[in-house]
Amino acid sequence: MRARPGLLAFAAVGAATLLAGAAPAAATASAGFAPQHATHPGHAHPRVGGTFNQDGGNWSGWVSTGSGFSSVSASWTEPEVTCNSSNDLYAPWVGIDGYGSQSVEQTGVATDCSSGSPNYQAWYEMYPDSPVYYNDPVSAGDNFTGTVQRSGTNYTLTITDNTQGWTEHVTKSYNGANSSAEFILESPTGAYPNFGTVHFSGATVDGSTYNGEGGVALDASNNSGFEDHTSEVSNGSFDVNYVQE
């Protein structure tokens, strides 16, 4: 199996420490908020209840595969989390590429438990450049909209805190593969805090409401089994529910 580039080499809030990531199937490798492994050889995943989706390594959510993607957008509310350990680290994000490609254009919000309590920070990444973090205030309960839009080889990445009223965006020239569009929760450490439920809404791909077209639903897992579960998507909305760390 190939490892895959990831979104983000996460620097903990206020620190420069880079964490390696992990990745789902069909991957190619890099450090960062991207997955390092898709499966766990030698370990059977216990079914904690219900029917799980494709093992996503440390990714959960929906991926649309194909070619020529030009935009992706969705909103979510950043939940108040309970840290299980100082290793817990995860981020909801939207993006183009990163699933089986060597390019990444993504933006989202990271929650880091390394201090013992959750810290939140918005960011964007265009691999192989390092992620860029914003200093705008982020609190649990804030509603966000993330958008990545492409025109030719120019990408505009926008993250808006609809609750606190700030927006950050950047436009960069980049030679992306444009071969996937994603709505994802990701943990580079493979350890999720208890986030309850993250509800994605208003999900669009190339300007149209996303209903799973060309889609793969992913559930994150570790050696103890599946960590969370992604629901079906309907009218651009779906949930990712926490199961265990």
C-alpha atoms as a PDB file:
ATOM      1  CA  MET A   1       0.000   0.000   0.000  1.00  0.00           C
ATOM      2  CA  ARG A   2       1.228   3.482  -0.754  1.00  0.00           C
ATOM      3  CA  ALA A   3       1.155   6.165   1.864  1.00  0.00           C
ATOM      4  CA  ARG A   4      -0.595   9.418   0.922  1.00  0.00           C
ATOM      5  CA  PRO A   5       0.099  13.136   1.221  1.00  0.00           C
ATOM      6  CA  GLY A   6      -1.827  14.799   3.723  1.00  0.00           C
ATOM      7  CA  LEU A   7      -3.399  17.834   4.512  1.00  0.00           C
ATOM      8  CA  LEU A   8      -1.583  19.306   7.323  1.00  0.00           C
ATOM      9  CA  ALA A   9       1.613  18.881   9.302  1.00  0.00           C
ATOM     10  CA  PHE A  10      -0.112  20.160  12.404  1.00  0.00           C
ATOM     11  CA  ALA A  11       1.737  22.591  14.608  1.00  0.00           C
ATOM     12  CA  ALA A  12       0.135  22.606  18.010  1.00  0.00           C
ATOM     13  CA  VAL A  13      -1.442  25.926  18.877  1.00  0.00           C
ATOM     14  CA  GLY A  14       1.343  28.311  19.759  1.00  0.00           C
ATOM     15  CA  ALA A  15       4.041  25.716  18.990  1.00  0.00           C
ATOM     16  CA  ALA A  16       6.060  24.645  15.999  1.00  0.00           C
ATOM     17  CA  THR A  17       5.999  20.906  16.635  1.00  0.00           C
ATOM     18  CA  LEU A  18       5.108  18.917  13.523  1.00  0.00           C
ATOM     19  CA  LEU A  19       3.171  15.712  13.841  1.00  0.00           C
ATOM     20  CA  ALA A  20       3.206  12.880  11.338  1.00  0.00           C
ATOM     21  CA  GLY A  21      -0.104  11.816   9.852  1.00  0.00           C
ATOM     22  CA  ALA A  22      -1.717   8.583   8.675  1.00  0.00           C
ATOM     23  CA  ALA A  23      -3.792   7.664   5.577  1.00  0.00           C
ATOM     24  CA  PRO A  24      -6.611   5.686   3.977  1.00  0.00           C
ATOM     25  CA  ALA A  25      -6.359   3.269   1.105  1.00  0.00           C
ATOM     26  CA  ALA A  26      -5.242   4.477  -2.292  1.00  0.00           C
ATOM     27  CA  ALA A  27      -2.668   6.719  -0.758  1.00  0.00           C
ATOM     28  CA  THR A  28       0.723   8.326  -1.449  1.00  0.00           C
ATOM     29  CA  ALA A  29       2.815   9.665   1.309  1.00  0.00           C
ATOM     30  CA  SER A  30       3.716  12.654   3.308  1.00  0.00           C
ATOM     31  CA  ALA A  31       3.884  13.948   6.777  1.00  0.00           C
ATOM     32  CA  GLY A  32       1.055  15.912   8.112  1.00  0.00           C
ATOM     33  CA  PHE A  33      -2.570  15.918   9.019  1.00  0.00           C
ATOM     34  CA  ALA A  34      -3.026  13.298   6.314  1.00  0.00           C
ATOM     35  CA  PRO A  35      -3.465   9.622   7.115  1.00  0.00           C
ATOM     36  CA  GLN A  36      -0.495   7.314   7.521  1.00  0.00           C
ATOM     37  CA  HIS A  37      -2.290   4.025   7.279  1.00  0.00           C
ATOM     38  CA  ALA A  38      -5.523   2.777   5.837  1.00  0.00           C
ATOM     39  CA  THR A  39      -5.586  -0.598   7.477  1.00  0.00           C
ATOM     40  CA  HIS A  40      -3.942  -2.229  10.435  1.00  0.00           C
ATOM     41  CA  PRO A  41      -2.403  -5.567   9.384  1.00  0.00           C
ATOM     42  CA  GLY A  42      -2.845  -8.334  11.924  1.00  0.00           C
ATOM     43  CA  HIS A  43      -5.685  -6.604  13.737  1.00  0.00           C
ATOM     44  CA  ALA A  44      -9.351  -7.419  13.280  1.00  0.00           C
ATOM     45  CA  HIS A  45     -11.571  -4.400  13.792  1.00  0.00           C
ATOM     46  CA  PRO A  46     -14.238  -5.136  16.373  1.00  0.00           C
ATOM     47  CA  ARG A  47     -17.655  -3.946  15.236  1.00  0.00           C
ATOM     48  CA  VAL A  48     -18.795  -1.652  18.000  1.00  0.00           C
ATOM     49  CA  GLY A  49     -22.346  -1.667  16.676  1.00  0.00           C
ATOM     50  CA  GLY A  50     -24.010  -1.071  13.361  1.00  0.00           C
ATOM     51  CA  THR A  51     -22.467  -1.409   9.932  1.00  0.00           C
ATOM     52  CA  PHE A  52     -19.256   0.491   9.346  1.00  0.00           C
ATOM     53  CA  ASN A  53     -18.000   2.046   6.137  1.00  0.00           C
ATOM     54  CA  GLN A  54     -14.640   1.670   4.401  1.00  0.00           C
ATOM     55  CA  ASP A  55     -11.738   1.804   6.829  1.00  0.00           C
ATOM     56  CA  GLY A  56     -10.318   5.289   6.406  1.00  0.00           C
ATOM     57  CA  GLY A  57      -7.286   4.984   8.667  1.00  0.00           C
ATOM     58  CA  ASN A  58      -7.506   8.315  10.469  1.00  0.00           C
ATOM     59  CA  TRP A  59      -9.996   9.830   8.004  1.00  0.00           C
ATOM     60  CA  SER A  60     -13.762   9.890   8.404  1.00  0.00           C
ATOM     61  CA  GLY A  61     -16.331  11.526   6.150  1.00  0.00           C
ATOM     62  CA  TRP A  62     -17.078  11.553   2.428  1.00  0.00           C
ATOM     63  CA  VAL A  63     -14.745  11.581  -0.577  1.00  0.00           C
ATOM     64  CA  SER A  64     -15.957  12.177  -4.146  1.00  0.00           C
ATOM     65  CA  THR A  65     -13.581  10.734  -6.736  1.00  0.00           C
ATOM     66  CA  GLY A  66     -13.254  11.561 -10.428  1.00  0.00           C
ATOM     67  CA  SER A  67     -11.416  14.295 -12.335  1.00  0.00           C
ATOM     68  CA  GLY A  68     -11.454  17.999 -13.015  1.00  0.00           C
ATOM     69  CA  PHE A  69     -12.917  19.113  -9.681  1.00  0.00           C
ATOM     70  CA  SER A  70     -13.219  22.891  -9.464  1.00  0.00           C
ATOM     71  CA  SER A  71     -14.888  23.605  -6.094  1.00  0.00           C
ATOM     72  CA  VAL A  72     -15.928  22.107  -2.783  1.00  0.00           C
ATOM     73  CA  SER A  73     -17.736  23.746   0.125  1.00  0.00           C
ATOM     74  CA  ALA A  74     -19.506  22.819   3.372  1.00  0.00           C
ATOM     75  CA  SER A  75     -20.419  24.164   6.792  1.00  0.00           C
ATOM     76  CA  TRP A  76     -20.089  22.595  10.228  1.00  0.00           C
ATOM     77  CA  THR A  77     -20.292  23.589  13.896  1.00  0.00           C
ATOM     78  CA  GLU A  78     -17.116  23.052  15.894  1.00  0.00           C
ATOM     79  CA  PRO A  79     -18.167  20.839  18.832  1.00  0.00           C
ATOM     80  CA  GLU A  80     -17.023  21.145  22.404  1.00  0.00           C
ATOM     81  CA  VAL A  81     -14.813  18.106  22.900  1.00  0.00           C
ATOM     82  CA  THR A  82     -13.684  16.009  25.858  1.00  0.00           C
ATOM     83  CA  CYS A  83      -9.984  15.186  25.654  1.00  0.00           C
ATOM     84  CA  ASN A  84      -9.257  11.510  26.318  1.00  0.00           C
ATOM     85  CA  SER A  85      -5.500  12.109  26.365  1.00  0.00           C
ATOM     86  CA  SER A  86      -2.896  14.715  25.446  1.00  0.00           C
ATOM     87  CA  ASN A  87      -2.399  12.776  22.200  1.00  0.00           C
ATOM     88  CA  ASP A  88      -5.859  13.677  20.901  1.00  0.00           C
ATOM     89  CA  LEU A  89      -5.809  15.832  17.785  1.00  0.00           C
ATOM     90  CA  TYR A  90      -8.335  16.152  14.962  1.00  0.00           C
ATOM     91  CA  ALA A  91      -9.728  18.528  12.379  1.00  0.00           C
ATOM     92  CA  PRO A  92     -12.851  18.875  10.251  1.00  0.00           C
ATOM     93  CA  TRP A  93     -11.902  20.177   6.797  1.00  0.00           C
ATOM     94  CA  VAL A  94     -12.954  20.487   3.159  1.00  0.00           C
ATOM     95  CA  GLY A  95     -10.620  20.189   0.215  1.00  0.00           C
ATOM     96  CA  ILE A  96      -9.683  19.136  -3.268  1.00  0.00           C
ATOM     97  CA  ASP A  97      -7.145  16.310  -3.674  1.00  0.00           C
ATOM     98  CA  GLY A  98      -5.240  14.295  -1.067  1.00  0.00           C
ATOM     99  CA  TYR A  99      -7.102  11.027  -1.684  1.00  0.00           C
ATOM    100  CA  GLY A 100      -4.650   9.041  -3.801  1.00  0.00           C
ATOM    101  CA  SER A 101      -2.901  12.125  -5.185  1.00  0.00           C
ATOM    102  CA  GLN A 102       0.306  14.020  -4.450  1.00  0.00           C
ATOM    103  CA  SER A 103      -1.449  17.390  -4.285  1.00  0.00           C
ATOM    104  CA  VAL A 104      -3.529  18.878  -1.477  1.00  0.00           C
ATOM    105  CA  GLU A 105      -5.635  22.039  -1.274  1.00  0.00           C
ATOM    106  CA  GLN A 106      -7.507  22.062   2.041  1.00  0.00           C
ATOM    107  CA  THR A 107      -8.820  24.309   4.810  1.00  0.00           C
ATOM    108  CA  GLY A 108     -10.404  23.621   8.188  1.00  0.00           C
ATOM    109  CA  VAL A 109     -10.154  23.919  11.972  1.00  0.00           C
ATOM    110  CA  ALA A 110      -7.899  21.819  14.208  1.00  0.00           C
ATOM    111  CA  THR A 111      -8.583  20.839  17.827  1.00  0.00           C
ATOM    112  CA  ASP A 112      -5.434  20.011  19.820  1.00  0.00           C
ATOM    113  CA  CYS A 113      -5.443  18.406  23.302  1.00  0.00           C
ATOM    114  CA  SER A 114      -1.667  18.426  23.889  1.00  0.00           C
ATOM    115  CA  SER A 115      -2.025  20.969  26.707  1.00  0.00           C
ATOM    116  CA  GLY A 116      -4.626  18.811  28.454  1.00  0.00           C
ATOM    117  CA  SER A 117      -7.559  20.899  27.286  1.00  0.00           C
ATOM    118  CA  PRO A 118      -8.842  21.599  23.760  1.00  0.00           C
ATOM    119  CA  ASN A 119      -7.332  24.427  21.721  1.00  0.00           C
ATOM    120  CA  TYR A 120      -8.805  25.441  18.357  1.00  0.00           C
ATOM    121  CA  GLN A 121      -7.070  26.962  15.332  1.00  0.00           C
ATOM    122  CA  ALA A 122      -8.068  27.504  11.708  1.00  0.00           C
ATOM    123  CA  TRP A 123      -5.594  26.727   8.906  1.00  0.00           C
ATOM    124  CA  TYR A 124      -5.098  25.986   5.225  1.00  0.00           C
ATOM    125  CA  GLU A 125      -2.573  23.813   3.414  1.00  0.00           C
ATOM    126  CA  MET A 126      -1.328  23.401  -0.151  1.00  0.00           C
ATOM    127  CA  TYR A 127       1.087  20.469   0.022  1.00  0.00           C
ATOM    128  CA  PRO A 128       4.088  20.300  -0.166  1.00  0.00           C
ATOM    129  CA  ASP A 129       4.150  23.761   1.407  1.00  0.00           C
ATOM    130  CA  SER A 130       3.772  23.830   5.173  1.00  0.00           C
ATOM    131  CA  PRO A 131       0.326  24.543   6.598  1.00  0.00           C
ATOM    132  CA  VAL A 132      -0.539  28.134   7.445  1.00  0.00           C
ATOM    133  CA  TYR A 133      -2.371  28.859  10.715  1.00  0.00           C
ATOM    134  CA  TYR A 134      -4.620  31.814  11.423  1.00  0.00           C
ATOM    135  CA  ASN A 135      -4.650  33.759  14.686  1.00  0.00           C
ATOM    136  CA  ASP A 136      -8.366  34.562  14.594  1.00  0.00           C
ATOM    137  CA  PRO A 137     -10.359  33.536  17.692  1.00  0.00           C
ATOM    138  CA  VAL A 138     -12.068  30.140  17.548  1.00  0.00           C
ATOM    139  CA  SER A 139     -14.395  28.721  20.203  1.00  0.00           C
ATOM    140  CA  ALA A 140     -16.387  25.532  20.595  1.00  0.00           C
ATOM    141  CA  GLY A 141     -19.856  26.115  19.188  1.00  0.00           C
ATOM    142  CA  ASP A 142     -18.650  28.349  16.345  1.00  0.00           C
ATOM    143  CA  ASN A 143     -20.202  27.601  12.958  1.00  0.00           C
ATOM    144  CA  PHE A 144     -17.743  27.479  10.043  1.00  0.00           C
ATOM    145  CA  THR A 145     -17.930  27.439   6.268  1.00  0.00           C
ATOM    146  CA  GLY A 146     -14.924  26.168   4.334  1.00  0.00           C
ATOM    147  CA  THR A 147     -14.532  26.545   0.560  1.00  0.00           C
ATOM    148  CA  VAL A 148     -11.851  25.615  -1.941  1.00  0.00           C
ATOM    149  CA  GLN A 149     -12.389  27.014  -5.431  1.00  0.00           C
ATOM    150  CA  ARG A 150     -10.229  26.486  -8.518  1.00  0.00           C
ATOM    151  CA  SER A 151      -9.955  28.539 -11.705  1.00  0.00           C
ATOM    152  CA  GLY A 152      -7.381  26.971 -14.012  1.00  0.00           C
ATOM    153  CA  THR A 153      -4.318  26.558 -11.827  1.00  0.00           C
ATOM    154  CA  ASN A 154      -5.378  29.181  -9.271  1.00  0.00           C
ATOM    155  CA  TYR A 155      -6.940  27.992  -5.998  1.00  0.00           C
ATOM    156  CA  THR A 156      -8.776  30.205  -3.524  1.00  0.00           C
ATOM    157  CA  LEU A 157      -9.111  28.718  -0.035  1.00  0.00           C
ATOM    158  CA  THR A 158     -11.593  30.407   2.296  1.00  0.00           C
ATOM    159  CA  ILE A 159     -12.540  29.701   5.908  1.00  0.00           C
ATOM    160  CA  THR A 160     -15.275  31.755   7.605  1.00  0.00           C
ATOM    161  CA  ASP A 161     -16.290  31.771  11.264  1.00  0.00           C
ATOM    162  CA  ASN A 162     -19.970  32.580  10.822  1.00  0.00           C
ATOM    163  CA  THR A 163     -20.397  32.986  14.578  1.00  0.00           C
ATOM    164  CA  GLN A 164     -17.548  35.393  15.326  1.00  0.00           C
ATOM    165  CA  GLY A 165     -17.745  37.113  11.955  1.00  0.00           C
ATOM    166  CA  TRP A 166     -14.242  36.721  10.533  1.00  0.00           C
ATOM    167  CA  THR A 167     -13.068  35.354   7.165  1.00  0.00           C
ATOM    168  CA  GLU A 168      -9.632  34.354   5.924  1.00  0.00           C
ATOM    169  CA  HIS A 169      -8.824  33.529   2.330  1.00  0.00           C
ATOM    170  CA  VAL A 170      -5.811  33.082   0.117  1.00  0.00           C
ATOM    171  CA  THR A 171      -5.319  32.542  -3.623  1.00  0.00           C
ATOM    172  CA  LYS A 172      -2.327  30.568  -4.865  1.00  0.00           C
ATOM    173  CA  SER A 173      -1.133  29.160  -8.176  1.00  0.00           C
ATOM    174  CA  TYR A 174      -0.705  25.385  -7.973  1.00  0.00           C
ATOM    175  CA  ASN A 175      -0.525  22.340 -10.218  1.00  0.00           C
ATOM    176  CA  GLY A 176      -3.131  20.159  -8.504  1.00  0.00           C
ATOM    177  CA  ALA A 177      -4.435  16.792  -9.689  1.00  0.00           C
ATOM    178  CA  ASN A 178      -8.093  17.830  -9.091  1.00  0.00           C
ATOM    179  CA  SER A 179      -8.987  14.157  -8.722  1.00  0.00           C
ATOM    180  CA  SER A 180     -11.021  14.177  -5.502  1.00  0.00           C
ATOM    181  CA  ALA A 181     -13.193  16.430  -3.366  1.00  0.00           C
ATOM    182  CA  GLU A 182     -13.527  15.801   0.378  1.00  0.00           C
ATOM    183  CA  PHE A 183     -15.490  16.560   3.536  1.00  0.00           C
ATOM    184  CA  ILE A 184     -13.358  14.986   6.257  1.00  0.00           C
ATOM    185  CA  LEU A 185     -12.535  14.593   9.939  1.00  0.00           C
ATOM    186  CA  GLU A 186      -8.890  13.687  10.366  1.00  0.00           C
ATOM    187  CA  SER A 187      -6.537  12.857  13.226  1.00  0.00           C
ATOM    188  CA  PRO A 188      -2.787  12.738  12.443  1.00  0.00           C
ATOM    189  CA  THR A 189      -2.160  11.032  15.787  1.00  0.00           C
ATOM    190  CA  GLY A 190      -4.921   8.470  15.210  1.00  0.00           C
ATOM    191  CA  ALA A 191      -6.454   9.595  18.530  1.00  0.00           C
ATOM    192  CA  TYR A 192      -9.761  11.439  18.484  1.00  0.00           C
ATOM    193  CA  PRO A 193     -11.128  13.427  21.421  1.00  0.00           C
ATOM    194  CA  ASN A 194     -14.762  12.708  22.226  1.00  0.00           C
ATOM    195  CA  PHE A 195     -16.383  15.160  19.816  1.00  0.00           C
ATOM    196  CA  GLY A 196     -19.887  13.713  19.999  1.00  0.00           C
ATOM    197  CA  THR A 197     -21.193  14.538  16.537  1.00  0.00           C
ATOM    198  CA  VAL A 198     -19.887  16.769  13.767  1.00  0.00           C
ATOM    199  CA  HIS A 199     -22.707  17.702  11.400  1.00  0.00           C
ATOM    200  CA  PHE A 200     -21.727  18.779   7.877  1.00  0.00           C
ATOM    201  CA  SER A 201     -24.337  20.736   5.922  1.00  0.00           C
ATOM    202  CA  GLY A 202     -24.566  22.662   2.670  1.00  0.00           C
ATOM    203  CA  ALA A 203     -22.008  20.327   1.099  1.00  0.00           C
ATOM    204  CA  THR A 204     -21.442  21.111  -2.577  1.00  0.00           C
ATOM    205  CA  VAL A 205     -19.070  19.806  -5.242  1.00  0.00           C
ATOM    206  CA  ASP A 206     -18.567  21.900  -8.383  1.00  0.00           C
ATOM    207  CA  GLY A 207     -21.496  24.088  -7.322  1.00  0.00           C
ATOM    208  CA  SER A 208     -24.041  21.262  -6.989  1.00  0.00           C
ATOM    209  CA  THR A 209     -25.476  19.859  -3.771  1.00  0.00           C
ATOM    210  CA  TYR A 210     -23.537  16.733  -2.863  1.00  0.00           C
ATOM    211  CA  ASN A 211     -25.548  13.526  -2.442  1.00  0.00           C
ATOM    212  CA  GLY A 212     -22.758  10.963  -2.585  1.00  0.00           C
ATOM    213  CA  GLU A 213     -22.041  11.033  -6.328  1.00  0.00           C
ATOM    214  CA  GLY A 214     -18.784   9.152  -7.015  1.00  0.00           C
ATOM    215  CA  GLY A 215     -18.540   8.902  -3.276  1.00  0.00           C
ATOM    216  CA  VAL A 216     -16.734   6.797  -0.703  1.00  0.00           C
ATOM    217  CA  ALA A 217     -17.797   6.955   2.952  1.00  0.00           C
ATOM    218  CA  LEU A 218     -14.906   6.508   5.394  1.00  0.00           C
ATOM    219  CA  ASP A 219     -14.768   5.591   9.087  1.00  0.00           C
ATOM    220  CA  ALA A 220     -11.582   6.173  11.079  1.00  0.00           C
ATOM    221  CA  SER A 221     -10.043   3.286  13.003  1.00  0.00           C
ATOM    222  CA  ASN A 222      -7.144   2.305  15.199  1.00  0.00           C
ATOM    223  CA  ASN A 223      -5.921  -1.003  16.591  1.00  0.00           C
ATOM    224  CA  SER A 224      -8.875  -1.105  18.991  1.00  0.00           C
ATOM    225  CA  GLY A 225     -11.464  -0.838  16.247  1.00  0.00           C
ATOM    226  CA  PHE A 226     -13.494   1.848  14.537  1.00  0.00           C
ATOM    227  CA  GLU A 227     -13.254   5.249  16.192  1.00  0.00           C
ATOM    228  CA  ASP A 228     -16.202   6.970  14.571  1.00  0.00           C
ATOM    229  CA  HIS A 229     -18.936   6.445  12.020  1.00  0.00           C
ATOM    230  CA  THR A 230     -20.055   8.455   8.980  1.00  0.00           C
ATOM    231  CA  SER A 231     -23.746   8.550   8.113  1.00  0.00           C
ATOM    232  CA  GLU A 232     -25.330   8.522   4.687  1.00  0.00           C
ATOM    233  CA  VAL A 233     -25.323  11.877   2.926  1.00  0.00           C
ATOM    234  CA  SER A 234     -28.611  13.460   1.884  1.00  0.00           C
ATOM    235  CA  ASN A 235     -29.197  16.896   0.386  1.00  0.00           C
ATOM    236  CA  GLY A 236     -25.639  17.930   1.243  1.00  0.00           C
ATOM    237  CA  SER A 237     -25.835  16.909   4.920  1.00  0.00           C
ATOM    238  CA  PHE A 238     -24.327  14.086   6.961  1.00  0.00           C
ATOM    239  CA  ASP A 239     -23.005  13.340  10.446  1.00  0.00           C
ATOM    240  CA  VAL A 240     -19.786  11.875  11.773  1.00  0.00           C
ATOM    241  CA  ASN A 241     -20.409  10.300  15.186  1.00  0.00           C
ATOM    242  CA  TYR A 242     -17.730   9.524  17.765  1.00  0.00           C
ATOM    243  CA  VAL A 243     -17.493   5.871  18.860  1.00  0.00           C
ATOM    244  CA  GLN A 244     -14.236   5.451  20.824  1.00  0.00           C
ATOM    245  CA  GLU A 245     -10.608   6.572  20.866  1.00  0.00           C
END
